Amino acid sequence: MPDSVRWIWSEPKAATAAAVEFIYLQKTVVLSDAPKEAWAVTACDNSYTLYVNGTKVVSGNDYTTPNLASLGPHLKAGTNVIAVVAANHTPDNKPPAEDKPPDEANANPAGFIFFARIKAGSKTVEVGSDNSWRWTKRKQAAWEKPDFVMTDGQAAAELGPVSMAPWNAAPQLAAALAMSRPHTDVRASLVAADPLAVALGRPNREQVMTTRATAATTLQTLELTNGDTLSKVLKRGAEKLLAEKPGANRELVTRLYTKALGRKPTSVELKLAGELLGKPAQPEAVEDLLWSMAMLPEFQLIY
């Protein structure tokens, strides 16, 4: 992690004592190309939620266990906005109250840190938390959206380097960032299996499997109908599709069929999908359409 990355907050003495309250951070990142991959490691004392171009990406509440997140699906060529709501809790770890002013007696250390490595085209762009980030304590409508302008924003205060006290988090942040490699150029054996992969027959990588069972199981049925892993994948997919502003339902459905099945939808499929999506298309309806397409034997034969 570069030496330029800093713990930041709204006040320069936050590493010693900061008010128990929420702050809202914003950083603009301009990319020449859509990213091939983008990984970020983030931590906060005490808790945070991070958005990219209006979409919630990751949250955490333990700076001793930094979070690794993929930003790639949410970034695009051009201007991108990273927005964060960060909270300093009370000394007994209770979140701040939004409707009450902070009590000076509860002041305690607070800090936020972020680092991302983004591969866009032939370039690698590194983005870290520093005084180029802007902050405000005033929550406003749609504050996390990409078109929101922080009119009262101020430059973030740099508290110190990654290894500074009281957090001493350099080893944990480096370890979290290193875990991005299993998702890129490292063997699949180092990637943790999720429940869906296990249900579909992913073997223990310490054993050699020459064949796999061909008959469907009850566990597979449960995972494919209401499993949490597939549900989250479809939800992210629906959010990404709608964020790209696909236009009319006909365009969206045709695009999905072309990508998923290598063909255009029939007139019946187009009609049924349009009725399902509604006008305008709703996120839950797009999720349902993605799920129904993933369940098609035609899709499963291809993939």
C-alpha atoms as a PDB file:
ATOM      1  CA  MET A   1       0.000   0.000   0.000  1.00  0.00           C
ATOM      2  CA  PRO A   2       1.476   3.399  -0.977  1.00  0.00           C
ATOM      3  CA  ASP A   3       2.874   5.680   1.723  1.00  0.00           C
ATOM      4  CA  SER A   4       0.525   8.419   0.542  1.00  0.00           C
ATOM      5  CA  VAL A   5      -2.536   6.615   1.928  1.00  0.00           C
ATOM      6  CA  ARG A   6      -3.718   8.200   5.185  1.00  0.00           C
ATOM      7  CA  TRP A   7      -6.240   7.699   7.929  1.00  0.00           C
ATOM      8  CA  ILE A   8      -8.685  10.582   7.578  1.00  0.00           C
ATOM      9  CA  TRP A   9     -11.561  12.203   9.457  1.00  0.00           C
ATOM     10  CA  SER A  10     -13.252  15.562   9.745  1.00  0.00           C
ATOM     11  CA  GLU A  11     -10.904  16.959  12.413  1.00  0.00           C
ATOM     12  CA  PRO A  12      -7.102  16.736  12.703  1.00  0.00           C
ATOM     13  CA  LYS A  13      -7.097  15.446  16.303  1.00  0.00           C
ATOM     14  CA  ALA A  14      -9.540  12.620  15.628  1.00  0.00           C
ATOM     15  CA  ALA A  15      -6.914   9.935  16.331  1.00  0.00           C
ATOM     16  CA  THR A  16      -7.027  11.089  19.953  1.00  0.00           C
ATOM     17  CA  ALA A  17     -10.606  12.263  20.398  1.00  0.00           C
ATOM     18  CA  ALA A  18     -13.469  12.918  17.981  1.00  0.00           C
ATOM     19  CA  ALA A  19     -17.136  13.616  18.485  1.00  0.00           C
ATOM     20  CA  VAL A  20     -19.606  10.722  18.455  1.00  0.00           C
ATOM     21  CA  GLU A  21     -21.362  11.471  15.179  1.00  0.00           C
ATOM     22  CA  PHE A  22     -21.753  10.636  11.495  1.00  0.00           C
ATOM     23  CA  ILE A  23     -19.658  12.231   8.773  1.00  0.00           C
ATOM     24  CA  TYR A  24     -20.259  11.991   5.027  1.00  0.00           C
ATOM     25  CA  LEU A  25     -17.227  11.605   2.762  1.00  0.00           C
ATOM     26  CA  GLN A  26     -16.949  11.945  -0.999  1.00  0.00           C
ATOM     27  CA  LYS A  27     -14.222  11.297  -3.551  1.00  0.00           C
ATOM     28  CA  THR A  28     -14.398  11.747  -7.343  1.00  0.00           C
ATOM     29  CA  VAL A  29     -12.387   9.387  -9.561  1.00  0.00           C
ATOM     30  CA  VAL A  30     -12.045   9.919 -13.317  1.00  0.00           C
ATOM     31  CA  LEU A  31     -11.173   6.859 -15.438  1.00  0.00           C
ATOM     32  CA  SER A  32     -10.159   6.891 -19.087  1.00  0.00           C
ATOM     33  CA  ASP A  33     -11.642   3.418 -19.654  1.00  0.00           C
ATOM     34  CA  ALA A  34     -14.080   1.064 -17.978  1.00  0.00           C
ATOM     35  CA  PRO A  35     -12.090  -0.964 -15.428  1.00  0.00           C
ATOM     36  CA  LYS A  36     -10.999  -4.503 -16.151  1.00  0.00           C
ATOM     37  CA  GLU A  37     -10.828  -5.087 -12.415  1.00  0.00           C
ATOM     38  CA  ALA A  38     -10.835  -2.928  -9.297  1.00  0.00           C
ATOM     39  CA  TRP A  39     -10.273  -3.969  -5.691  1.00  0.00           C
ATOM     40  CA  ALA A  40     -10.460  -1.834  -2.582  1.00  0.00           C
ATOM     41  CA  VAL A  41      -9.577  -2.399   1.056  1.00  0.00           C
ATOM     42  CA  THR A  42     -11.383  -0.305   3.656  1.00  0.00           C
ATOM     43  CA  ALA A  43     -11.546   0.076   7.429  1.00  0.00           C
ATOM     44  CA  CYS A  44     -13.147   2.461   9.866  1.00  0.00           C
ATOM     45  CA  ASP A  45     -13.182   3.179  13.571  1.00  0.00           C
ATOM     46  CA  ASN A  46     -16.024   2.509  14.224  1.00  0.00           C
ATOM     47  CA  SER A  47     -18.384   1.758  11.310  1.00  0.00           C
ATOM     48  CA  TYR A  48     -19.033   2.787   7.704  1.00  0.00           C
ATOM     49  CA  THR A  49     -21.009   2.100   4.538  1.00  0.00           C
ATOM     50  CA  LEU A  50     -19.432   2.756   1.146  1.00  0.00           C
ATOM     51  CA  TYR A  51     -21.264   3.519  -2.107  1.00  0.00           C
ATOM     52  CA  VAL A  52     -19.912   3.696  -5.667  1.00  0.00           C
ATOM     53  CA  ASN A  53     -21.966   5.730  -8.129  1.00  0.00           C
ATOM     54  CA  GLY A  54     -24.971   5.420  -5.819  1.00  0.00           C
ATOM     55  CA  THR A  55     -24.780   1.648  -5.286  1.00  0.00           C
ATOM     56  CA  LYS A  56     -23.967   0.213  -1.855  1.00  0.00           C
ATOM     57  CA  VAL A  57     -20.811  -1.863  -2.165  1.00  0.00           C
ATOM     58  CA  VAL A  58     -19.479  -2.684   1.308  1.00  0.00           C
ATOM     59  CA  SER A  59     -19.876  -1.881   4.995  1.00  0.00           C
ATOM     60  CA  GLY A  60     -17.949  -2.730   8.132  1.00  0.00           C
ATOM     61  CA  ASN A  61     -17.732  -2.142  11.864  1.00  0.00           C
ATOM     62  CA  ASP A  62     -14.373  -3.598  12.913  1.00  0.00           C
ATOM     63  CA  TYR A  63     -11.156  -1.846  11.880  1.00  0.00           C
ATOM     64  CA  THR A  64      -9.102  -4.866  13.023  1.00  0.00           C
ATOM     65  CA  THR A  65     -10.703  -6.841  10.185  1.00  0.00           C
ATOM     66  CA  PRO A  66     -10.557  -4.619   7.064  1.00  0.00           C
ATOM     67  CA  ASN A  67     -13.007  -5.303   4.241  1.00  0.00           C
ATOM     68  CA  LEU A  68     -11.987  -6.256   0.709  1.00  0.00           C
ATOM     69  CA  ALA A  69     -14.474  -5.256  -1.987  1.00  0.00           C
ATOM     70  CA  SER A  70     -14.684  -5.476  -5.758  1.00  0.00           C
ATOM     71  CA  LEU A  71     -15.469  -2.058  -7.237  1.00  0.00           C
ATOM     72  CA  GLY A  72     -15.216  -3.173 -10.860  1.00  0.00           C
ATOM     73  CA  PRO A  73     -18.944  -3.843 -11.479  1.00  0.00           C
ATOM     74  CA  HIS A  74     -19.819  -0.362 -10.218  1.00  0.00           C
ATOM     75  CA  LEU A  75     -17.202   1.789 -11.954  1.00  0.00           C
ATOM     76  CA  LYS A  76     -17.342   3.146 -15.499  1.00  0.00           C
ATOM     77  CA  ALA A  77     -15.313   5.195 -17.938  1.00  0.00           C
ATOM     78  CA  GLY A  78     -15.516   8.882 -17.056  1.00  0.00           C
ATOM     79  CA  THR A  79     -16.423  10.392 -13.705  1.00  0.00           C
ATOM     80  CA  ASN A  80     -17.130   8.115 -10.737  1.00  0.00           C
ATOM     81  CA  VAL A  81     -18.163   9.092  -7.215  1.00  0.00           C
ATOM     82  CA  ILE A  82     -17.208   7.187  -4.065  1.00  0.00           C
ATOM     83  CA  ALA A  83     -19.419   8.167  -1.134  1.00  0.00           C
ATOM     84  CA  VAL A  84     -19.039   7.003   2.465  1.00  0.00           C
ATOM     85  CA  VAL A  85     -21.043   7.497   5.628  1.00  0.00           C
ATOM     86  CA  ALA A  86     -18.701   6.913   8.576  1.00  0.00           C
ATOM     87  CA  ALA A  87     -19.670   6.837  12.237  1.00  0.00           C
ATOM     88  CA  ASN A  88     -17.725   7.267  15.440  1.00  0.00           C
ATOM     89  CA  HIS A  89     -19.431   5.257  18.186  1.00  0.00           C
ATOM     90  CA  THR A  90     -19.523   5.918  21.917  1.00  0.00           C
ATOM     91  CA  PRO A  91     -16.763   4.416  24.105  1.00  0.00           C
ATOM     92  CA  ASP A  92     -19.120   1.485  24.831  1.00  0.00           C
ATOM     93  CA  ASN A  93     -19.614   0.988  21.062  1.00  0.00           C
ATOM     94  CA  LYS A  94     -23.094   2.424  20.636  1.00  0.00           C
ATOM     95  CA  PRO A  95     -23.730   4.196  17.293  1.00  0.00           C
ATOM     96  CA  PRO A  96     -24.407   7.947  17.356  1.00  0.00           C
ATOM     97  CA  ALA A  97     -27.960   9.271  17.507  1.00  0.00           C
ATOM     98  CA  GLU A  98     -28.890  11.264  14.406  1.00  0.00           C
ATOM     99  CA  ASP A  99     -31.380  13.441  16.286  1.00  0.00           C
ATOM    100  CA  LYS A 100     -29.116  14.508  19.169  1.00  0.00           C
ATOM    101  CA  PRO A 101     -25.973  16.683  19.273  1.00  0.00           C
ATOM    102  CA  PRO A 102     -22.778  14.829  20.254  1.00  0.00           C
ATOM    103  CA  ASP A 103     -21.796  14.712  23.917  1.00  0.00           C
ATOM    104  CA  GLU A 104     -18.219  15.957  24.405  1.00  0.00           C
ATOM    105  CA  ALA A 105     -17.783  13.515  27.287  1.00  0.00           C
ATOM    106  CA  ASN A 106     -18.075  10.602  24.821  1.00  0.00           C
ATOM    107  CA  ALA A 107     -15.290  11.794  22.510  1.00  0.00           C
ATOM    108  CA  ASN A 108     -12.920   8.992  21.472  1.00  0.00           C
ATOM    109  CA  PRO A 109     -10.616   8.083  18.524  1.00  0.00           C
ATOM    110  CA  ALA A 110     -12.109   7.945  15.038  1.00  0.00           C
ATOM    111  CA  GLY A 111     -10.641   7.316  11.597  1.00  0.00           C
ATOM    112  CA  PHE A 112     -11.379   6.025   8.104  1.00  0.00           C
ATOM    113  CA  ILE A 113      -8.965   4.528   5.580  1.00  0.00           C
ATOM    114  CA  PHE A 114      -9.392   3.425   1.966  1.00  0.00           C
ATOM    115  CA  PHE A 115      -7.166   2.177  -0.828  1.00  0.00           C
ATOM    116  CA  ALA A 116      -8.162   0.934  -4.289  1.00  0.00           C
ATOM    117  CA  ARG A 117      -6.150  -0.410  -7.198  1.00  0.00           C
ATOM    118  CA  ILE A 118      -8.025  -0.047 -10.486  1.00  0.00           C
ATOM    119  CA  LYS A 119      -6.939  -1.513 -13.823  1.00  0.00           C
ATOM    120  CA  ALA A 120      -8.494   0.625 -16.550  1.00  0.00           C
ATOM    121  CA  GLY A 121      -7.298   0.014 -20.087  1.00  0.00           C
ATOM    122  CA  SER A 122      -3.505  -0.131 -20.080  1.00  0.00           C
ATOM    123  CA  LYS A 123      -3.265   1.947 -16.898  1.00  0.00           C
ATOM    124  CA  THR A 124      -3.380   1.082 -13.210  1.00  0.00           C
ATOM    125  CA  VAL A 125      -4.989   3.803 -11.119  1.00  0.00           C
ATOM    126  CA  GLU A 126      -4.462   3.904  -7.353  1.00  0.00           C
ATOM    127  CA  VAL A 127      -6.881   5.803  -5.143  1.00  0.00           C
ATOM    128  CA  GLY A 128      -6.247   6.283  -1.436  1.00  0.00           C
ATOM    129  CA  SER A 129      -7.795   8.246   1.383  1.00  0.00           C
ATOM    130  CA  ASP A 130      -6.107  11.634   1.853  1.00  0.00           C
ATOM    131  CA  ASN A 131      -7.001  15.329   2.054  1.00  0.00           C
ATOM    132  CA  SER A 132      -8.435  15.276  -1.483  1.00  0.00           C
ATOM    133  CA  TRP A 133     -11.543  13.662  -0.009  1.00  0.00           C
ATOM    134  CA  ARG A 134     -14.365  16.007   1.013  1.00  0.00           C
ATOM    135  CA  TRP A 135     -16.577  15.732   4.085  1.00  0.00           C
ATOM    136  CA  THR A 136     -19.703  17.209   5.615  1.00  0.00           C
ATOM    137  CA  LYS A 137     -21.682  16.465   8.773  1.00  0.00           C
ATOM    138  CA  ARG A 138     -24.985  17.388   7.159  1.00  0.00           C
ATOM    139  CA  LYS A 139     -26.982  14.498   5.736  1.00  0.00           C
ATOM    140  CA  GLN A 140     -28.843  15.492   2.605  1.00  0.00           C
ATOM    141  CA  ALA A 141     -31.243  13.697   0.291  1.00  0.00           C
ATOM    142  CA  ALA A 142     -29.509  11.463  -2.286  1.00  0.00           C
ATOM    143  CA  TRP A 143     -26.127  12.328  -0.768  1.00  0.00           C
ATOM    144  CA  GLU A 144     -24.643   9.035  -2.037  1.00  0.00           C
ATOM    145  CA  LYS A 145     -25.775   9.519  -5.654  1.00  0.00           C
ATOM    146  CA  PRO A 146     -23.223  10.374  -8.390  1.00  0.00           C
ATOM    147  CA  ASP A 147     -24.922  13.649  -9.325  1.00  0.00           C
ATOM    148  CA  PHE A 148     -24.961  14.973  -5.741  1.00  0.00           C
ATOM    149  CA  VAL A 149     -22.852  18.104  -5.235  1.00  0.00           C
ATOM    150  CA  MET A 150     -21.401  18.558  -1.738  1.00  0.00           C
ATOM    151  CA  THR A 151     -21.708  22.339  -1.610  1.00  0.00           C
ATOM    152  CA  ASP A 152     -20.573  22.613   2.015  1.00  0.00           C
ATOM    153  CA  GLY A 153     -17.808  20.014   1.734  1.00  0.00           C
ATOM    154  CA  GLN A 154     -14.427  20.574   3.372  1.00  0.00           C
ATOM    155  CA  ALA A 155     -11.069  18.890   2.836  1.00  0.00           C
ATOM    156  CA  ALA A 156     -10.577  15.803   4.988  1.00  0.00           C
ATOM    157  CA  ALA A 157      -8.006  15.996   7.779  1.00  0.00           C
ATOM    158  CA  GLU A 158      -5.079  13.607   7.344  1.00  0.00           C
ATOM    159  CA  LEU A 159      -4.467  11.883  10.689  1.00  0.00           C
ATOM    160  CA  GLY A 160      -1.405   9.847   9.823  1.00  0.00           C
ATOM    161  CA  PRO A 161      -0.006   6.824   7.932  1.00  0.00           C
ATOM    162  CA  VAL A 162      -1.508   3.352   7.722  1.00  0.00           C
ATOM    163  CA  SER A 163       0.583   2.070  10.641  1.00  0.00           C
ATOM    164  CA  MET A 164      -0.286   4.878  13.057  1.00  0.00           C
ATOM    165  CA  ALA A 165      -1.662   4.383  16.565  1.00  0.00           C
ATOM    166  CA  PRO A 166      -4.165   3.691  17.954  1.00  0.00           C
ATOM    167  CA  TRP A 167      -5.065   1.408  15.046  1.00  0.00           C
ATOM    168  CA  ASN A 168      -1.708  -0.112  14.019  1.00  0.00           C
ATOM    169  CA  ALA A 169      -3.559  -1.720  11.118  1.00  0.00           C
ATOM    170  CA  ALA A 170      -0.855  -1.953   8.432  1.00  0.00           C
ATOM    171  CA  PRO A 171      -0.528  -5.788   8.582  1.00  0.00           C
ATOM    172  CA  GLN A 172      -4.288  -6.335   8.500  1.00  0.00           C
ATOM    173  CA  LEU A 173      -4.809  -3.935   5.583  1.00  0.00           C
ATOM    174  CA  ALA A 174      -1.955  -5.493   3.598  1.00  0.00           C
ATOM    175  CA  ALA A 175      -3.322  -8.992   4.229  1.00  0.00           C
ATOM    176  CA  ALA A 176      -6.824  -7.967   3.135  1.00  0.00           C
ATOM    177  CA  LEU A 177      -5.494  -6.375  -0.062  1.00  0.00           C
ATOM    178  CA  ALA A 178      -3.427  -9.479  -0.818  1.00  0.00           C
ATOM    179  CA  MET A 179      -6.624 -11.529  -0.860  1.00  0.00           C
ATOM    180  CA  SER A 180      -7.619  -9.824  -4.116  1.00  0.00           C
ATOM    181  CA  ARG A 181      -5.088 -12.008  -5.912  1.00  0.00           C
ATOM    182  CA  PRO A 182      -7.048 -15.279  -5.532  1.00  0.00           C
ATOM    183  CA  HIS A 183      -9.795 -13.589  -7.564  1.00  0.00           C
ATOM    184  CA  THR A 184      -7.425 -12.731 -10.431  1.00  0.00           C
ATOM    185  CA  ASP A 185      -4.265 -14.652 -11.259  1.00  0.00           C
ATOM    186  CA  VAL A 186      -4.053 -17.231  -8.461  1.00  0.00           C
ATOM    187  CA  ARG A 187      -5.362 -20.799  -8.584  1.00  0.00           C
ATOM    188  CA  ALA A 188      -9.014 -21.451  -7.794  1.00  0.00           C
ATOM    189  CA  SER A 189      -7.914 -23.717  -4.945  1.00  0.00           C
ATOM    190  CA  LEU A 190      -7.147 -20.587  -2.907  1.00  0.00           C
ATOM    191  CA  VAL A 191     -10.630 -19.138  -3.352  1.00  0.00           C
ATOM    192  CA  ALA A 192     -13.160 -20.013  -0.666  1.00  0.00           C
ATOM    193  CA  ALA A 193     -16.111 -22.014  -1.986  1.00  0.00           C
ATOM    194  CA  ASP A 194     -19.508 -20.408  -1.485  1.00  0.00           C
ATOM    195  CA  PRO A 195     -22.613 -22.500  -0.608  1.00  0.00           C
ATOM    196  CA  LEU A 196     -23.863 -22.476  -4.206  1.00  0.00           C
ATOM    197  CA  ALA A 197     -20.567 -23.818  -5.592  1.00  0.00           C
ATOM    198  CA  VAL A 198     -20.521 -26.560  -2.947  1.00  0.00           C
ATOM    199  CA  ALA A 199     -24.131 -27.534  -3.696  1.00  0.00           C
ATOM    200  CA  LEU A 200     -23.371 -27.746  -7.415  1.00  0.00           C
ATOM    201  CA  GLY A 201     -20.557 -30.183  -6.765  1.00  0.00           C
ATOM    202  CA  ARG A 202     -17.348 -28.226  -6.345  1.00  0.00           C
ATOM    203  CA  PRO A 203     -14.939 -30.784  -4.853  1.00  0.00           C
ATOM    204  CA  ASN A 204     -12.482 -30.375  -2.045  1.00  0.00           C
ATOM    205  CA  ARG A 205      -9.385 -29.115  -3.888  1.00  0.00           C
ATOM    206  CA  GLU A 206      -7.159 -31.333  -1.754  1.00  0.00           C
ATOM    207  CA  GLN A 207      -8.709 -34.382  -3.424  1.00  0.00           C
ATOM    208  CA  VAL A 208      -8.680 -35.531  -7.042  1.00  0.00           C
ATOM    209  CA  MET A 209     -12.176 -35.949  -8.489  1.00  0.00           C
ATOM    210  CA  THR A 210     -12.415 -37.668 -11.871  1.00  0.00           C
ATOM    211  CA  THR A 211     -16.224 -37.658 -12.045  1.00  0.00           C
ATOM    212  CA  ARG A 212     -19.106 -35.734 -10.531  1.00  0.00           C
ATOM    213  CA  ALA A 213     -22.651 -36.791  -9.770  1.00  0.00           C
ATOM    214  CA  THR A 214     -25.083 -36.095 -12.613  1.00  0.00           C
ATOM    215  CA  ALA A 215     -28.327 -36.416 -10.631  1.00  0.00           C
ATOM    216  CA  ALA A 216     -29.806 -33.275  -9.057  1.00  0.00           C
ATOM    217  CA  THR A 217     -29.967 -33.122  -5.269  1.00  0.00           C
ATOM    218  CA  THR A 218     -32.344 -31.518  -2.775  1.00  0.00           C
ATOM    219  CA  LEU A 219     -29.537 -29.174  -1.664  1.00  0.00           C
ATOM    220  CA  GLN A 220     -29.099 -27.957  -5.249  1.00  0.00           C
ATOM    221  CA  THR A 221     -32.823 -27.333  -5.534  1.00  0.00           C
ATOM    222  CA  LEU A 222     -32.845 -25.254  -2.353  1.00  0.00           C
ATOM    223  CA  GLU A 223     -29.795 -23.221  -3.374  1.00  0.00           C
ATOM    224  CA  LEU A 224     -31.141 -22.519  -6.862  1.00  0.00           C
ATOM    225  CA  THR A 225     -34.614 -21.526  -5.671  1.00  0.00           C
ATOM    226  CA  ASN A 226     -33.965 -19.488  -2.530  1.00  0.00           C
ATOM    227  CA  GLY A 227     -30.255 -19.654  -1.758  1.00  0.00           C
ATOM    228  CA  ASP A 228     -28.618 -16.485  -0.450  1.00  0.00           C
ATOM    229  CA  THR A 229     -25.588 -16.706  -2.780  1.00  0.00           C
ATOM    230  CA  LEU A 230     -27.565 -16.751  -6.038  1.00  0.00           C
ATOM    231  CA  SER A 231     -30.033 -14.189  -4.683  1.00  0.00           C
ATOM    232  CA  LYS A 232     -27.220 -11.686  -4.023  1.00  0.00           C
ATOM    233  CA  VAL A 233     -25.651 -12.278  -7.452  1.00  0.00           C
ATOM    234  CA  LEU A 234     -28.974 -11.633  -9.190  1.00  0.00           C
ATOM    235  CA  LYS A 235     -29.639  -8.559  -7.062  1.00  0.00           C
ATOM    236  CA  ARG A 236     -26.267  -7.046  -7.985  1.00  0.00           C
ATOM    237  CA  GLY A 237     -26.893  -7.900 -11.623  1.00  0.00           C
ATOM    238  CA  ALA A 238     -30.280  -6.164 -11.590  1.00  0.00           C
ATOM    239  CA  GLU A 239     -28.807  -3.068  -9.937  1.00  0.00           C
ATOM    240  CA  LYS A 240     -26.023  -2.904 -12.513  1.00  0.00           C
ATOM    241  CA  LEU A 241     -28.436  -3.280 -15.437  1.00  0.00           C
ATOM    242  CA  LEU A 242     -30.732  -0.513 -14.193  1.00  0.00           C
ATOM    243  CA  ALA A 243     -27.796   1.758 -13.357  1.00  0.00           C
ATOM    244  CA  GLU A 244     -26.816   1.612 -17.033  1.00  0.00           C
ATOM    245  CA  LYS A 245     -30.252   3.096 -17.926  1.00  0.00           C
ATOM    246  CA  PRO A 246     -31.167   0.453 -20.516  1.00  0.00           C
ATOM    247  CA  GLY A 247     -34.111   2.404 -21.964  1.00  0.00           C
ATOM    248  CA  ALA A 248     -37.242   0.595 -23.117  1.00  0.00           C
ATOM    249  CA  ASN A 249     -38.066  -2.893 -21.826  1.00  0.00           C
ATOM    250  CA  ARG A 250     -37.724  -4.305 -25.347  1.00  0.00           C
ATOM    251  CA  GLU A 251     -34.090  -3.150 -25.469  1.00  0.00           C
ATOM    252  CA  LEU A 252     -33.328  -4.579 -22.029  1.00  0.00           C
ATOM    253  CA  VAL A 253     -34.920  -7.961 -22.735  1.00  0.00           C
ATOM    254  CA  THR A 254     -33.276  -8.270 -26.163  1.00  0.00           C
ATOM    255  CA  ARG A 255     -29.901  -7.437 -24.657  1.00  0.00           C
ATOM    256  CA  LEU A 256     -30.291 -10.046 -21.886  1.00  0.00           C
ATOM    257  CA  TYR A 257     -31.357 -12.815 -24.272  1.00  0.00           C
ATOM    258  CA  THR A 258     -28.513 -12.019 -26.647  1.00  0.00           C
ATOM    259  CA  LYS A 259     -25.917 -12.173 -23.876  1.00  0.00           C
ATOM    260  CA  ALA A 260     -27.359 -15.110 -21.947  1.00  0.00           C
ATOM    261  CA  LEU A 261     -28.626 -17.337 -24.747  1.00  0.00           C
ATOM    262  CA  GLY A 262     -26.905 -16.045 -27.870  1.00  0.00           C
ATOM    263  CA  ARG A 263     -30.199 -15.290 -29.580  1.00  0.00           C
ATOM    264  CA  LYS A 264     -33.000 -12.742 -29.641  1.00  0.00           C
ATOM    265  CA  PRO A 265     -36.184 -13.392 -27.661  1.00  0.00           C
ATOM    266  CA  THR A 266     -39.232 -14.732 -29.444  1.00  0.00           C
ATOM    267  CA  SER A 267     -42.320 -12.535 -29.639  1.00  0.00           C
ATOM    268  CA  VAL A 268     -43.921 -14.543 -26.816  1.00  0.00           C
ATOM    269  CA  GLU A 269     -40.821 -14.251 -24.610  1.00  0.00           C
ATOM    270  CA  LEU A 270     -40.598 -10.534 -25.343  1.00  0.00           C
ATOM    271  CA  LYS A 271     -44.247 -10.024 -24.384  1.00  0.00           C
ATOM    272  CA  LEU A 272     -44.034 -12.048 -21.153  1.00  0.00           C
ATOM    273  CA  ALA A 273     -40.771 -10.402 -20.079  1.00  0.00           C
ATOM    274  CA  GLY A 274     -42.191  -6.935 -20.756  1.00  0.00           C
ATOM    275  CA  GLU A 275     -45.254  -7.678 -18.626  1.00  0.00           C
ATOM    276  CA  LEU A 276     -43.017  -8.962 -15.822  1.00  0.00           C
ATOM    277  CA  LEU A 277     -40.721  -5.923 -15.811  1.00  0.00           C
ATOM    278  CA  GLY A 278     -43.465  -3.311 -15.666  1.00  0.00           C
ATOM    279  CA  LYS A 279     -43.160   0.329 -16.728  1.00  0.00           C
ATOM    280  CA  PRO A 280     -40.695   1.527 -15.687  1.00  0.00           C
ATOM    281  CA  ALA A 281     -38.740  -1.652 -14.968  1.00  0.00           C
ATOM    282  CA  GLN A 282     -38.513  -2.374 -11.236  1.00  0.00           C
ATOM    283  CA  PRO A 283     -35.380  -3.845  -9.557  1.00  0.00           C
ATOM    284  CA  GLU A 284     -37.297  -6.815  -8.114  1.00  0.00           C
ATOM    285  CA  ALA A 285     -38.825  -7.570 -11.515  1.00  0.00           C
ATOM    286  CA  VAL A 286     -35.410  -7.487 -13.212  1.00  0.00           C
ATOM    287  CA  GLU A 287     -34.133  -9.909 -10.539  1.00  0.00           C
ATOM    288  CA  ASP A 288     -37.065 -12.234 -11.284  1.00  0.00           C
ATOM    289  CA  LEU A 289     -36.321 -12.118 -15.016  1.00  0.00           C
ATOM    290  CA  LEU A 290     -32.641 -12.909 -14.424  1.00  0.00           C
ATOM    291  CA  TRP A 291     -33.613 -15.791 -12.154  1.00  0.00           C
ATOM    292  CA  SER A 292     -36.050 -17.246 -14.689  1.00  0.00           C
ATOM    293  CA  MET A 293     -33.402 -17.062 -17.424  1.00  0.00           C
ATOM    294  CA  ALA A 294     -30.773 -18.703 -15.217  1.00  0.00           C
ATOM    295  CA  MET A 295     -33.185 -21.588 -14.595  1.00  0.00           C
ATOM    296  CA  LEU A 296     -33.675 -22.247 -18.327  1.00  0.00           C
ATOM    297  CA  PRO A 297     -32.132 -25.565 -19.476  1.00  0.00           C
ATOM    298  CA  GLU A 298     -30.954 -23.625 -22.529  1.00  0.00           C
ATOM    299  CA  PHE A 299     -28.908 -21.284 -20.313  1.00  0.00           C
ATOM    300  CA  GLN A 300     -27.534 -24.142 -18.201  1.00  0.00           C
ATOM    301  CA  LEU A 301     -26.504 -26.071 -21.308  1.00  0.00           C
ATOM    302  CA  ILE A 302     -24.491 -23.102 -22.570  1.00  0.00           C
ATOM    303  CA  TYR A 303     -22.831 -22.287 -19.266  1.00  0.00           C
END
